């Protein structure tokens, strides 16, 4: 073979290698771009969830503080109401037995020892 044929063969091989490189760059470049976009999207979602988590934590703290304050207020109101009931009971001549009134006669228990319950008939189909 002469040198022209060798040069044509080497040139063809180089051209084929360049075309293969360009096709691979295009093919894998698209895949890498899609992967980078997915990574950015996931990172943005992670940051959003982190912000929402922090906001939820702040809201929970705020609600816990409000609940504690409401409990303190209720305990103060309960204490004031109990004191008012004691004063009104004392002014009416009742003994200091608390807010419950005792029955004059004890309630009779059934013979079997169990309290009566309601019996519901099932619906007829």
PDB file of N, CA and C in Angstrom:
ATOM      1  N   UNK A   1       0.833  -1.173   0.000  1.00  0.00           N
ATOM      2  CA  UNK A   1       0.000   0.000   0.000  1.00  0.00           C
ATOM      3  C   UNK A   1       0.876   1.235   0.000  1.00  0.00           C
ATOM      4  N   UNK A   2       0.317   2.196  -0.603  1.00  0.00           N
ATOM      5  CA  UNK A   2       1.100   3.431  -0.655  1.00  0.00           C
ATOM      6  C   UNK A   2       0.713   4.348   0.509  1.00  0.00           C
ATOM      7  N   UNK A   3       1.424   5.436   0.663  1.00  0.00           N
ATOM      8  CA  UNK A   3       1.233   6.352   1.795  1.00  0.00           C
ATOM      9  C   UNK A   3      -0.114   7.054   1.745  1.00  0.00           C
ATOM     10  N   UNK A   4      -0.649   7.245   0.565  1.00  0.00           N
ATOM     11  CA  UNK A   4      -1.967   7.882   0.456  1.00  0.00           C
ATOM     12  C   UNK A   4      -3.034   7.028   1.153  1.00  0.00           C
ATOM     13  N   UNK A   5      -3.007   5.765   0.972  1.00  0.00           N
ATOM     14  CA  UNK A   5      -3.980   4.872   1.581  1.00  0.00           C
ATOM     15  C   UNK A   5      -3.813   4.876   3.106  1.00  0.00           C
ATOM     16  N   UNK A   6      -2.558   4.883   3.552  1.00  0.00           N
ATOM     17  CA  UNK A   6      -2.308   4.929   4.995  1.00  0.00           C
ATOM     18  C   UNK A   6      -2.825   6.249   5.596  1.00  0.00           C
ATOM     19  N   UNK A   7      -2.543   7.319   4.936  1.00  0.00           N
ATOM     20  CA  UNK A   7      -3.003   8.616   5.432  1.00  0.00           C
ATOM     21  C   UNK A   7      -4.532   8.682   5.445  1.00  0.00           C
ATOM     22  N   UNK A   8      -5.193   8.137   4.428  1.00  0.00           N
ATOM     23  CA  UNK A   8      -6.660   8.118   4.368  1.00  0.00           C
ATOM     24  C   UNK A   8      -7.204   7.255   5.507  1.00  0.00           C
ATOM     25  N   UNK A   9      -6.592   6.135   5.789  1.00  0.00           N
ATOM     26  CA  UNK A   9      -7.043   5.259   6.878  1.00  0.00           C
ATOM     27  C   UNK A   9      -6.899   5.928   8.238  1.00  0.00           C
ATOM     28  N   UNK A  10      -5.738   6.572   8.455  1.00  0.00           N
ATOM     29  CA  UNK A  10      -5.508   7.269   9.723  1.00  0.00           C
ATOM     30  C   UNK A  10      -6.457   8.452   9.853  1.00  0.00           C
ATOM     31  N   UNK A  11      -6.659   9.186   8.763  1.00  0.00           N
ATOM     32  CA  UNK A  11      -7.592  10.323   8.781  1.00  0.00           C
ATOM     33  C   UNK A  11      -9.015   9.862   9.065  1.00  0.00           C
ATOM     34  N   UNK A  12      -9.429   8.746   8.459  1.00  0.00           N
ATOM     35  CA  UNK A  12     -10.773   8.205   8.705  1.00  0.00           C
ATOM     36  C   UNK A  12     -10.943   7.766  10.158  1.00  0.00           C
ATOM     37  N   UNK A  13      -9.888   7.127  10.705  1.00  0.00           N
ATOM     38  CA  UNK A  13      -9.951   6.688  12.099  1.00  0.00           C
ATOM     39  C   UNK A  13     -10.041   7.890  13.037  1.00  0.00           C
ATOM     40  N   UNK A  14      -9.266   8.935  12.740  1.00  0.00           N
ATOM     41  CA  UNK A  14      -9.328  10.143  13.558  1.00  0.00           C
ATOM     42  C   UNK A  14     -10.692  10.822  13.458  1.00  0.00           C
ATOM     43  N   UNK A  15     -11.258  10.848  12.241  1.00  0.00           N
ATOM     44  CA  UNK A  15     -12.587  11.434  12.042  1.00  0.00           C
ATOM     45  C   UNK A  15     -13.653  10.633  12.794  1.00  0.00           C
ATOM     46  N   UNK A  16     -13.555   9.309  12.748  1.00  0.00           N
ATOM     47  CA  UNK A  16     -14.483   8.444  13.464  1.00  0.00           C
ATOM     48  C   UNK A  16     -14.350   8.648  14.982  1.00  0.00           C
ATOM     49  N   UNK A  17     -13.123   8.789  15.475  1.00  0.00           N
ATOM     50  CA  UNK A  17     -12.897   9.027  16.901  1.00  0.00           C
ATOM     51  C   UNK A  17     -13.477  10.381  17.316  1.00  0.00           C
ATOM     52  N   UNK A  18     -13.298  11.397  16.472  1.00  0.00           N
ATOM     53  CA  UNK A  18     -13.833  12.730  16.785  1.00  0.00           C
ATOM     54  C   UNK A  18     -15.355  12.705  16.797  1.00  0.00           C
ATOM     55  N   UNK A  19     -15.975  12.014  15.846  1.00  0.00           N
ATOM     56  CA  UNK A  19     -17.432  11.911  15.810  1.00  0.00           C
ATOM     57  C   UNK A  19     -17.954  11.133  17.011  1.00  0.00           C
ATOM     58  N   UNK A  20     -17.273  10.078  17.394  1.00  0.00           N
ATOM     59  CA  UNK A  20     -17.664   9.298  18.558  1.00  0.00           C
ATOM     60  C   UNK A  20     -17.558  10.147  19.823  1.00  0.00           C
ATOM     61  N   UNK A  21     -16.476  10.909  19.949  1.00  0.00           N
ATOM     62  CA  UNK A  21     -16.299  11.788  21.103  1.00  0.00           C
ATOM     63  C   UNK A  21     -17.409  12.841  21.164  1.00  0.00           C
ATOM     64  N   UNK A  22     -17.749  13.450  20.028  1.00  0.00           N
ATOM     65  CA  UNK A  22     -18.805  14.470  19.987  1.00  0.00           C
ATOM     66  C   UNK A  22     -20.163  13.865  20.358  1.00  0.00           C
ATOM     67  N   UNK A  23     -20.461  12.665  19.849  1.00  0.00           N
ATOM     68  CA  UNK A  23     -21.735  12.014  20.171  1.00  0.00           C
ATOM     69  C   UNK A  23     -21.805  11.657  21.656  1.00  0.00           C
ATOM     70  N   UNK A  24     -20.702  11.145  22.204  1.00  0.00           N
ATOM     71  CA  UNK A  24     -20.687  10.783  23.623  1.00  0.00           C
ATOM     72  C   UNK A  24     -20.822  12.029  24.495  1.00  0.00           C
ATOM     73  N   UNK A  25     -20.147  13.120  24.099  1.00  0.00           N
ATOM     74  CA  UNK A  25     -20.246  14.366  24.846  1.00  0.00           C
ATOM     75  C   UNK A  25     -21.684  14.874  24.839  1.00  0.00           C
ATOM     76  N   UNK A  26     -22.340  14.836  23.702  1.00  0.00           N
ATOM     77  CA  UNK A  26     -23.724  15.289  23.601  1.00  0.00           C
ATOM     78  C   UNK A  26     -24.652  14.396  24.437  1.00  0.00           C
ATOM     79  N   UNK A  27     -24.489  13.067  24.286  1.00  0.00           N
ATOM     80  CA  UNK A  27     -25.361  12.111  24.982  1.00  0.00           C
ATOM     81  C   UNK A  27     -25.230  12.219  26.501  1.00  0.00           C
ATOM     82  N   UNK A  28     -23.991  12.138  26.993  1.00  0.00           N
ATOM     83  CA  UNK A  28     -23.782  12.171  28.435  1.00  0.00           C
ATOM     84  C   UNK A  28     -23.932  13.574  29.008  1.00  0.00           C
ATOM     85  N   UNK A  29     -23.723  14.597  28.179  1.00  0.00           N
ATOM     86  CA  UNK A  29     -23.945  15.977  28.625  1.00  0.00           C
ATOM     87  C   UNK A  29     -25.410  16.208  28.973  1.00  0.00           C
ATOM     88  N   UNK A  30     -26.306  15.659  28.154  1.00  0.00           N
ATOM     89  CA  UNK A  30     -27.738  15.776  28.441  1.00  0.00           C
ATOM     90  C   UNK A  30     -28.075  15.081  29.755  1.00  0.00           C
ATOM     91  N   UNK A  31     -27.542  13.888  29.955  1.00  0.00           N
ATOM     92  CA  UNK A  31     -27.802  13.146  31.189  1.00  0.00           C
ATOM     93  C   UNK A  31     -27.248  13.891  32.406  1.00  0.00           C
ATOM     94  N   UNK A  32     -26.042  14.446  32.280  1.00  0.00           N
ATOM     95  CA  UNK A  32     -25.464  15.198  33.385  1.00  0.00           C
ATOM     96  C   UNK A  32     -26.263  16.462  33.683  1.00  0.00           C
ATOM     97  N   UNK A  33     -26.760  17.135  32.644  1.00  0.00           N
ATOM     98  CA  UNK A  33     -27.568  18.329  32.841  1.00  0.00           C
ATOM     99  C   UNK A  33     -28.868  18.000  33.578  1.00  0.00           C
ATOM    100  N   UNK A  34     -29.532  16.903  33.176  1.00  0.00           N
ATOM    101  CA  UNK A  34     -30.755  16.479  33.868  1.00  0.00           C
ATOM    102  C   UNK A  34     -30.467  16.122  35.321  1.00  0.00           C
ATOM    103  N   UNK A  35     -29.350  15.445  35.567  1.00  0.00           N
ATOM    104  CA  UNK A  35     -28.986  15.085  36.940  1.00  0.00           C
ATOM    105  C   UNK A  35     -28.703  16.338  37.770  1.00  0.00           C
ATOM    106  N   UNK A  36     -28.037  17.324  37.171  1.00  0.00           N
ATOM    107  CA  UNK A  36     -27.750  18.573  37.881  1.00  0.00           C
ATOM    108  C   UNK A  36     -29.043  19.318  38.205  1.00  0.00           C
ATOM    109  N   UNK A  37     -29.995  19.325  37.267  1.00  0.00           N
ATOM    110  CA  UNK A  37     -31.284  19.983  37.522  1.00  0.00           C
ATOM    111  C   UNK A  37     -32.053  19.277  38.640  1.00  0.00           C
ATOM    112  N   UNK A  38     -32.028  17.936  38.618  1.00  0.00           N
ATOM    113  CA  UNK A  38     -32.694  17.189  39.700  1.00  0.00           C
ATOM    114  C   UNK A  38     -32.034  17.477  41.044  1.00  0.00           C
ATOM    115  N   UNK A  39     -30.718  17.566  41.055  1.00  0.00           N
ATOM    116  CA  UNK A  39     -29.994  17.856  42.293  1.00  0.00           C
ATOM    117  C   UNK A  39     -30.365  19.241  42.810  1.00  0.00           C
ATOM    118  N   UNK A  40     -30.433  20.233  41.915  1.00  0.00           N
ATOM    119  CA  UNK A  40     -30.827  21.578  42.329  1.00  0.00           C
ATOM    120  C   UNK A  40     -32.254  21.594  42.869  1.00  0.00           C
ATOM    121  N   UNK A  41     -33.144  20.864  42.208  1.00  0.00           N
ATOM    122  CA  UNK A  41     -34.533  20.807  42.640  1.00  0.00           C
ATOM    123  C   UNK A  41     -34.642  20.159  44.022  1.00  0.00           C
ATOM    124  N   UNK A  42     -33.902  19.069  44.229  1.00  0.00           N
ATOM    125  CA  UNK A  42     -33.919  18.406  45.527  1.00  0.00           C
ATOM    126  C   UNK A  42     -33.316  19.290  46.619  1.00  0.00           C
ATOM    127  N   UNK A  43     -32.271  20.005  46.292  1.00  0.00           N
ATOM    128  CA  UNK A  43     -31.642  20.903  47.265  1.00  0.00           C
ATOM    129  C   UNK A  43     -32.605  22.029  47.649  1.00  0.00           C
ATOM    130  N   UNK A  44     -33.306  22.565  46.652  1.00  0.00           N
ATOM    131  CA  UNK A  44     -34.283  23.624  46.929  1.00  0.00           C
ATOM    132  C   UNK A  44     -35.421  23.078  47.797  1.00  0.00           C
ATOM    133  N   UNK A  45     -35.885  21.860  47.513  1.00  0.00           N
ATOM    134  CA  UNK A  45     -36.941  21.235  48.323  1.00  0.00           C
ATOM    135  C   UNK A  45     -36.448  20.990  49.745  1.00  0.00           C
ATOM    136  N   UNK A  46     -35.191  20.566  49.896  1.00  0.00           N
ATOM    137  CA  UNK A  46     -34.625  20.336  51.222  1.00  0.00           C
ATOM    138  C   UNK A  46     -34.562  21.636  52.011  1.00  0.00           C
ATOM    139  N   UNK A  47     -34.140  22.722  51.365  1.00  0.00           N
ATOM    140  CA  UNK A  47     -34.076  24.009  52.045  1.00  0.00           C
ATOM    141  C   UNK A  47     -35.472  24.483  52.460  1.00  0.00           C
ATOM    142  N   UNK A  48     -36.456  24.274  51.575  1.00  0.00           N
ATOM    143  CA  UNK A  48     -37.826  24.659  51.892  1.00  0.00           C
ATOM    144  C   UNK A  48     -38.341  23.862  53.091  1.00  0.00           C
ATOM    145  N   UNK A  49     -38.071  22.561  53.098  1.00  0.00           N
ATOM    146  CA  UNK A  49     -38.504  21.733  54.225  1.00  0.00           C
ATOM    147  C   UNK A  49     -37.798  22.125  55.518  1.00  0.00           C
ATOM    148  N   UNK A  50     -36.546  22.506  55.425  1.00  0.00           N
ATOM    149  CA  UNK A  50     -35.818  22.955  56.609  1.00  0.00           C
ATOM    150  C   UNK A  50     -36.445  24.230  57.169  1.00  0.00           C
ATOM    151  N   UNK A  51     -36.796  25.155  56.265  1.00  0.00           N
ATOM    152  CA  UNK A  51     -37.447  26.392  56.702  1.00  0.00           C
ATOM    153  C   UNK A  51     -38.815  26.101  57.325  1.00  0.00           C
ATOM    154  N   UNK A  52     -39.580  25.214  56.701  1.00  0.00           N
ATOM    155  CA  UNK A  52     -40.896  24.867  57.238  1.00  0.00           C
ATOM    156  C   UNK A  52     -40.765  24.180  58.599  1.00  0.00           C
ATOM    157  N   UNK A  53     -39.753  23.338  58.749  1.00  0.00           N
ATOM    158  CA  UNK A  53     -39.516  22.660  60.025  1.00  0.00           C
ATOM    159  C   UNK A  53     -39.182  23.675  61.108  1.00  0.00           C
ATOM    160  N   UNK A  54     -38.345  24.640  60.778  1.00  0.00           N
ATOM    161  CA  UNK A  54     -37.992  25.675  61.756  1.00  0.00           C
ATOM    162  C   UNK A  54     -39.222  26.494  62.121  1.00  0.00           C
ATOM    163  N   UNK A  55     -40.046  26.835  61.128  1.00  0.00           N
ATOM    164  CA  UNK A  55     -41.264  27.589  61.394  1.00  0.00           C
ATOM    165  C   UNK A  55     -42.214  26.795  62.284  1.00  0.00           C
ATOM    166  N   UNK A  56     -42.358  25.498  62.000  1.00  0.00           N
ATOM    167  CA  UNK A  56     -43.232  24.652  62.816  1.00  0.00           C
ATOM    168  C   UNK A  56     -42.707  24.575  64.248  1.00  0.00           C
ATOM    169  N   UNK A  57     -41.402  24.486  64.414  1.00  0.00           N
ATOM    170  CA  UNK A  57     -40.821  24.443  65.762  1.00  0.00           C
ATOM    171  C   UNK A  57     -41.122  25.738  66.515  1.00  0.00           C
ATOM    172  N   UNK A  58     -40.988  26.877  65.821  1.00  0.00           N
ATOM    173  CA  UNK A  58     -41.306  28.155  66.463  1.00  0.00           C
ATOM    174  C   UNK A  58     -42.782  28.222  66.846  1.00  0.00           C
ATOM    175  N   UNK A  59     -43.650  27.740  65.967  1.00  0.00           N
ATOM    176  CA  UNK A  59     -45.080  27.750  66.270  1.00  0.00           C
ATOM    177  C   UNK A  59     -45.393  26.849  67.467  1.00  0.00           C
ATOM    178  N   UNK A  60     -44.760  25.686  67.530  1.00  0.00           N
ATOM    179  CA  UNK A  60     -44.980  24.771  68.653  1.00  0.00           C
ATOM    180  C   UNK A  60     -44.526  25.425  69.955  1.00  0.00           C
ATOM    181  N   UNK A  61     -43.360  26.066  69.937  1.00  0.00           N
ATOM    182  CA  UNK A  61     -42.884  26.749  71.135  1.00  0.00           C
ATOM    183  C   UNK A  61     -43.874  27.823  71.574  1.00  0.00           C
ATOM    184  N   UNK A  62     -44.352  28.600  70.601  1.00  0.00           N
ATOM    185  CA  UNK A  62     -45.305  29.671  70.902  1.00  0.00           C
ATOM    186  C   UNK A  62     -46.593  29.093  71.493  1.00  0.00           C
ATOM    187  N   UNK A  63     -47.087  28.000  70.900  1.00  0.00           N
ATOM    188  CA  UNK A  63     -48.312  27.376  71.402  1.00  0.00           C
ATOM    189  C   UNK A  63     -48.118  26.798  72.801  1.00  0.00           C
ATOM    190  N   UNK A  64     -46.958  26.208  73.056  1.00  0.00           N
ATOM    191  CA  UNK A  64     -46.684  25.676  74.392  1.00  0.00           C
ATOM    192  C   UNK A  64     -46.659  26.792  75.439  1.00  0.00           C
ATOM    193  N   UNK A  65     -46.103  27.931  75.054  1.00  0.00           N
ATOM    194  CA  UNK A  65     -46.086  29.075  75.973  1.00  0.00           C
ATOM    195  C   UNK A  65     -47.514  29.545  76.237  1.00  0.00           C
ATOM    196  N   UNK A  66     -48.334  29.613  75.177  1.00  0.00           N
ATOM    197  CA  UNK A  66     -49.727  30.027  75.341  1.00  0.00           C
ATOM    198  C   UNK A  66     -50.496  29.043  76.218  1.00  0.00           C
ATOM    199  N   UNK A  67     -50.284  27.749  76.008  1.00  0.00           N
ATOM    200  CA  UNK A  67     -50.976  26.739  76.808  1.00  0.00           C
ATOM    201  C   UNK A  67     -50.571  26.855  78.275  1.00  0.00           C
ATOM    202  N   UNK A  68     -49.301  27.064  78.540  1.00  0.00           N
ATOM    203  CA  UNK A  68     -48.845  27.209  79.924  1.00  0.00           C
ATOM    204  C   UNK A  68     -49.492  28.434  80.571  1.00  0.00           C
ATOM    205  N   UNK A  69     -49.571  29.533  79.827  1.00  0.00           N
ATOM    206  CA  UNK A  69     -50.205  30.741  80.361  1.00  0.00           C
ATOM    207  C   UNK A  69     -51.693  30.510  80.617  1.00  0.00           C
ATOM    208  N   UNK A  70     -52.363  29.834  79.690  1.00  0.00           N
ATOM    209  CA  UNK A  70     -53.784  29.536  79.889  1.00  0.00           C
ATOM    210  C   UNK A  70     -54.005  28.612  81.078  1.00  0.00           C
ATOM    211  N   UNK A  71     -53.104  27.657  81.285  1.00  0.00           N
ATOM    212  CA  UNK A  71     -53.216  26.778  82.447  1.00  0.00           C
ATOM    213  C   UNK A  71     -53.047  27.556  83.742  1.00  0.00           C
ATOM    214  N   UNK A  72     -52.095  28.506  83.757  1.00  0.00           N
ATOM    215  CA  UNK A  72     -51.914  29.338  84.948  1.00  0.00           C
ATOM    216  C   UNK A  72     -53.175  30.157  85.216  1.00  0.00           C
ATOM    217  N   UNK A  73     -53.745  30.724  84.155  1.00  0.00           N
ATOM    218  CA  UNK A  73     -54.964  31.505  84.322  1.00  0.00           C
ATOM    219  C   UNK A  73     -56.109  30.627  84.820  1.00  0.00           C
ATOM    220  N   UNK A  74     -56.237  29.421  84.268  1.00  0.00           N
ATOM    221  CA  UNK A  74     -57.309  28.520  84.701  1.00  0.00           C
ATOM    222  C   UNK A  74     -57.121  28.098  86.152  1.00  0.00           C
ATOM    223  N   UNK A  75     -55.896  27.842  86.562  1.00  0.00           N
ATOM    224  CA  UNK A  75     -55.676  27.452  87.957  1.00  0.00           C
ATOM    225  C   UNK A  75     -56.040  28.606  88.889  1.00  0.00           C
ATOM    226  N   UNK A  76     -55.705  29.850  88.475  1.00  0.00           N
ATOM    227  CA  UNK A  76     -56.096  31.011  89.277  1.00  0.00           C
ATOM    228  C   UNK A  76     -57.616  31.138  89.331  1.00  0.00           C
ATOM    229  N   UNK A  77     -58.282  30.940  88.190  1.00  0.00           N
ATOM    230  CA  UNK A  77     -59.743  31.022  88.152  1.00  0.00           C
ATOM    231  C   UNK A  77     -60.380  29.908  88.967  1.00  0.00           C
ATOM    232  N   UNK A  78     -59.823  28.699  88.864  1.00  0.00           N
ATOM    233  CA  UNK A  78     -60.354  27.579  89.646  1.00  0.00           C
ATOM    234  C   UNK A  78     -60.209  27.842  91.139  1.00  0.00           C
ATOM    235  N   UNK A  79     -59.074  28.362  91.528  1.00  0.00           N
ATOM    236  CA  UNK A  79     -58.866  28.661  92.945  1.00  0.00           C
ATOM    237  C   UNK A  79     -59.848  29.742  93.401  1.00  0.00           C
ATOM    238  N   UNK A  80     -60.046  30.766  92.577  1.00  0.00           N
ATOM    239  CA  UNK A  80     -60.978  31.831  92.935  1.00  0.00           C
ATOM    240  C   UNK A  80     -62.409  31.303  92.979  1.00  0.00           C
ATOM    241  N   UNK A  81     -62.767  30.449  92.035  1.00  0.00           N
ATOM    242  CA  UNK A  81     -64.119  29.881  91.999  1.00  0.00           C
ATOM    243  C   UNK A  81     -64.347  28.976  93.201  1.00  0.00           C
ATOM    244  N   UNK A  82     -63.387  28.163  93.576  1.00  0.00           N
ATOM    245  CA  UNK A  82     -63.514  27.294  94.743  1.00  0.00           C
ATOM    246  C   UNK A  82     -63.668  28.129  96.008  1.00  0.00           C
ATOM    247  N   UNK A  83     -62.895  29.203  96.103  1.00  0.00           N
ATOM    248  CA  UNK A  83     -63.006  30.088  97.264  1.00  0.00           C
ATOM    249  C   UNK A  83     -64.384  30.727  97.308  1.00  0.00           C
ATOM    250  N   UNK A  84     -64.890  31.142  96.154  1.00  0.00           N
ATOM    251  CA  UNK A  84     -66.221  31.759  96.091  1.00  0.00           C
ATOM    252  C   UNK A  84     -67.294  30.741  96.499  1.00  0.00           C
ATOM    253  N   UNK A  85     -67.151  29.479  96.064  1.00  0.00           N
ATOM    254  CA  UNK A  85     -68.123  28.447  96.436  1.00  0.00           C
ATOM    255  C   UNK A  85     -68.082  28.175  97.931  1.00  0.00           C
ATOM    256  N   UNK A  86     -66.877  28.168  98.522  1.00  0.00           N
ATOM    257  CA  UNK A  86     -66.767  27.966  99.966  1.00  0.00           C
ATOM    258  C   UNK A  86     -67.440  29.098 100.727  1.00  0.00           C
ATOM    259  N   UNK A  87     -67.234  30.328 100.253  1.00  0.00           N
ATOM    260  CA  UNK A  87     -67.832  31.488 100.915  1.00  0.00           C
ATOM    261  C   UNK A  87     -69.348  31.426 100.804  1.00  0.00           C
ATOM    262  N   UNK A  88     -69.866  31.100  99.609  1.00  0.00           N
ATOM    263  CA  UNK A  88     -71.321  31.044  99.437  1.00  0.00           C
ATOM    264  C   UNK A  88     -71.922  29.889 100.229  1.00  0.00           C
ATOM    265  N   UNK A  89     -71.220  28.755 100.312  1.00  0.00           N
ATOM    266  CA  UNK A  89     -71.714  27.627 101.097  1.00  0.00           C
ATOM    267  C   UNK A  89     -71.721  27.962 102.578  1.00  0.00           C
ATOM    268  N   UNK A  90     -70.705  28.657 103.034  1.00  0.00           N
ATOM    269  CA  UNK A  90     -70.639  29.040 104.441  1.00  0.00           C
ATOM    270  C   UNK A  90     -71.731  30.056 104.765  1.00  0.00           C
ATOM    271  N   UNK A  91     -72.021  30.966 103.838  1.00  0.00           N
ATOM    272  CA  UNK A  91     -73.051  31.973 104.087  1.00  0.00           C
ATOM    273  C   UNK A  91     -74.444  31.358 104.083  1.00  0.00           C
ATOM    274  N   UNK A  92     -74.612  30.225 103.393  1.00  0.00           N
ATOM    275  CA  UNK A  92     -75.909  29.562 103.352  1.00  0.00           C
ATOM    276  C   UNK A  92     -76.051  28.539 104.466  1.00  0.00           C
ATOM    277  N   UNK A  93     -75.012  28.298 105.220  1.00  0.00           N
ATOM    278  CA  UNK A  93     -75.091  27.414 106.362  1.00  0.00           C
ATOM    279  C   UNK A  93     -74.708  25.975 106.071  1.00  0.00           C
ATOM    280  N   UNK A  94     -74.166  25.680 104.901  1.00  0.00           N
ATOM    281  CA  UNK A  94     -73.731  24.321 104.586  1.00  0.00           C
ATOM    282  C   UNK A  94     -72.363  24.068 105.181  1.00  0.00           C
ATOM    283  N   UNK A  95     -72.105  22.787 105.448  1.00  0.00           N
ATOM    284  CA  UNK A  95     -70.780  22.425 105.947  1.00  0.00           C
ATOM    285  C   UNK A  95     -69.780  22.533 104.814  1.00  0.00           C
ATOM    286  N   UNK A  96     -68.525  22.665 105.146  1.00  0.00           N
ATOM    287  CA  UNK A  96     -67.471  22.776 104.131  1.00  0.00           C
ATOM    288  C   UNK A  96     -67.140  21.391 103.599  1.00  0.00           C
ATOM    289  N   UNK A  97     -68.040  20.874 102.761  1.00  0.00           N
ATOM    290  CA  UNK A  97     -67.824  19.529 102.229  1.00  0.00           C
ATOM    291  C   UNK A  97     -67.362  19.566 100.780  1.00  0.00           C
ATOM    292  N   UNK A  98     -67.157  20.738 100.230  1.00  0.00           N
ATOM    293  CA  UNK A  98     -66.686  20.841  98.850  1.00  0.00           C
ATOM    294  C   UNK A  98     -67.860  20.995  97.894  1.00  0.00           C
ATOM    295  N   UNK A  99     -67.612  20.911  96.630  1.00  0.00           N
ATOM    296  CA  UNK A  99     -68.668  21.165  95.656  1.00  0.00           C
ATOM    297  C   UNK A  99     -69.645  19.999  95.497  1.00  0.00           C
ATOM    298  N   UNK A 100     -69.378  18.843  96.137  1.00  0.00           N
ATOM    299  CA  UNK A 100     -70.237  17.682  95.966  1.00  0.00           C
ATOM    300  C   UNK A 100     -71.252  17.589  97.099  1.00  0.00           C
ATOM    301  N   UNK A 101     -72.454  17.221  96.745  1.00  0.00           N
ATOM    302  CA  UNK A 101     -73.504  17.046  97.741  1.00  0.00           C
ATOM    303  C   UNK A 101     -73.679  15.554  97.961  1.00  0.00           C
ATOM    304  N   UNK A 102     -73.665  15.131  99.205  1.00  0.00           N
ATOM    305  CA  UNK A 102     -73.813  13.712  99.491  1.00  0.00           C
ATOM    306  C   UNK A 102     -75.291  13.345  99.491  1.00  0.00           C
ATOM    307  N   UNK A 103     -75.614  12.157  98.987  1.00  0.00           N
ATOM    308  CA  UNK A 103     -76.991  11.699  98.933  1.00  0.00           C
ATOM    309  C   UNK A 103     -77.457  11.345 100.338  1.00  0.00           C
ATOM    310  N   UNK A 104     -78.749  11.570 100.587  1.00  0.00           N
ATOM    311  CA  UNK A 104     -79.298  11.265 101.889  1.00  0.00           C
ATOM    312  C   UNK A 104     -79.356   9.759 102.111  1.00  0.00           C
ATOM    313  N   UNK A 105     -79.717   9.016 101.059  1.00  0.00           N
ATOM    314  CA  UNK A 105     -79.795   7.567 101.149  1.00  0.00           C
ATOM    315  C   UNK A 105     -78.809   6.957 100.152  1.00  0.00           C
ATOM    316  N   UNK A 106     -78.146   5.886 100.499  1.00  0.00           N
ATOM    317  CA  UNK A 106     -77.259   5.257  99.521  1.00  0.00           C
ATOM    318  C   UNK A 106     -78.079   4.612  98.406  1.00  0.00           C
ATOM    319  N   UNK A 107     -77.514   4.593  97.219  1.00  0.00           N
ATOM    320  CA  UNK A 107     -78.180   4.016  96.058  1.00  0.00           C
ATOM    321  C   UNK A 107     -78.123   2.503  96.176  1.00  0.00           C
ATOM    322  N   UNK A 108     -79.256   1.858  95.922  1.00  0.00           N
ATOM    323  CA  UNK A 108     -79.297   0.406  96.022  1.00  0.00           C
ATOM    324  C   UNK A 108     -78.547  -0.224  94.862  1.00  0.00           C
ATOM    325  N   UNK A 109     -77.790  -1.259  95.130  1.00  0.00           N
ATOM    326  CA  UNK A 109     -77.090  -1.976  94.073  1.00  0.00           C
ATOM    327  C   UNK A 109     -77.928  -3.172  93.663  1.00  0.00           C
ATOM    328  N   UNK A 110     -77.930  -3.541  92.402  1.00  0.00           N
ATOM    329  CA  UNK A 110     -78.705  -4.698  91.959  1.00  0.00           C
ATOM    330  C   UNK A 110     -78.207  -5.975  92.634  1.00  0.00           C
ATOM    331  N   UNK A 111     -79.025  -7.017  92.568  1.00  0.00           N
ATOM    332  CA  UNK A 111     -78.694  -8.281  93.230  1.00  0.00           C
ATOM    333  C   UNK A 111     -77.438  -8.915  92.656  1.00  0.00           C
ATOM    334  N   UNK A 112     -77.211  -8.745  91.337  1.00  0.00           N
ATOM    335  CA  UNK A 112     -76.030  -9.368  90.735  1.00  0.00           C
ATOM    336  C   UNK A 112     -74.761  -8.549  90.943  1.00  0.00           C
ATOM    337  N   UNK A 113     -74.886  -7.336  91.467  1.00  0.00           N
ATOM    338  CA  UNK A 113     -73.710  -6.523  91.764  1.00  0.00           C
ATOM    339  C   UNK A 113     -73.260  -5.630  90.618  1.00  0.00           C
ATOM    340  N   UNK A 114     -73.971  -5.680  89.491  1.00  0.00           N
ATOM    341  CA  UNK A 114     -73.598  -4.868  88.343  1.00  0.00           C
ATOM    342  C   UNK A 114     -74.653  -3.799  88.105  1.00  0.00           C
ATOM    343  N   UNK A 115     -74.232  -2.631  87.693  1.00  0.00           N
ATOM    344  CA  UNK A 115     -75.168  -1.554  87.408  1.00  0.00           C
ATOM    345  C   UNK A 115     -75.952  -1.878  86.143  1.00  0.00           C
ATOM    346  N   UNK A 116     -77.223  -1.406  86.120  1.00  0.00           N
ATOM    347  CA  UNK A 116     -78.040  -1.630  84.937  1.00  0.00           C
ATOM    348  C   UNK A 116     -77.489  -0.815  83.768  1.00  0.00           C
ATOM    349  N   UNK A 117     -77.563  -1.402  82.593  1.00  0.00           N
ATOM    350  CA  UNK A 117     -77.117  -0.711  81.385  1.00  0.00           C
ATOM    351  C   UNK A 117     -78.239  -0.707  80.373  1.00  0.00           C
ATOM    352  N   UNK A 118     -78.108   0.125  79.375  1.00  0.00           N
ATOM    353  CA  UNK A 118     -79.101   0.183  78.312  1.00  0.00           C
ATOM    354  C   UNK A 118     -78.871  -0.971  77.363  1.00  0.00           C
ATOM    355  N   UNK A 119     -79.959  -1.510  76.882  1.00  0.00           N
ATOM    356  CA  UNK A 119     -79.850  -2.582  75.891  1.00  0.00           C
ATOM    357  C   UNK A 119     -80.465  -2.084  74.596  1.00  0.00           C
ATOM    358  N   UNK A 120     -79.689  -2.076  73.551  1.00  0.00           N
ATOM    359  CA  UNK A 120     -80.170  -1.608  72.259  1.00  0.00           C
ATOM    360  C   UNK A 120     -80.459  -2.795  71.382  1.00  0.00           C
ATOM    361  N   UNK A 121     -81.635  -2.795  70.791  1.00  0.00           N
ATOM    362  CA  UNK A 121     -82.015  -3.864  69.879  1.00  0.00           C
ATOM    363  C   UNK A 121     -81.348  -3.612  68.533  1.00  0.00           C
ATOM    364  N   UNK A 122     -80.767  -4.629  67.926  1.00  0.00           N
ATOM    365  CA  UNK A 122     -80.165  -4.410  66.613  1.00  0.00           C
ATOM    366  C   UNK A 122     -81.265  -4.193  65.571  1.00  0.00           C
ATOM    367  N   UNK A 123     -80.918  -3.427  64.538  1.00  0.00           N
ATOM    368  CA  UNK A 123     -81.879  -3.165  63.468  1.00  0.00           C
ATOM    369  C   UNK A 123     -82.163  -4.437  62.691  1.00  0.00           C
ATOM    370  N   UNK A 124     -83.407  -4.564  62.326  1.00  0.00           N
ATOM    371  CA  UNK A 124     -83.757  -5.719  61.491  1.00  0.00           C
ATOM    372  C   UNK A 124     -83.461  -5.377  60.053  1.00  0.00           C
ATOM    373  N   UNK A 125     -82.851  -6.309  59.363  1.00  0.00           N
ATOM    374  CA  UNK A 125     -82.499  -6.066  57.956  1.00  0.00           C
ATOM    375  C   UNK A 125     -83.619  -6.431  57.039  1.00  0.00           C
TER     376      UNK A 125
END
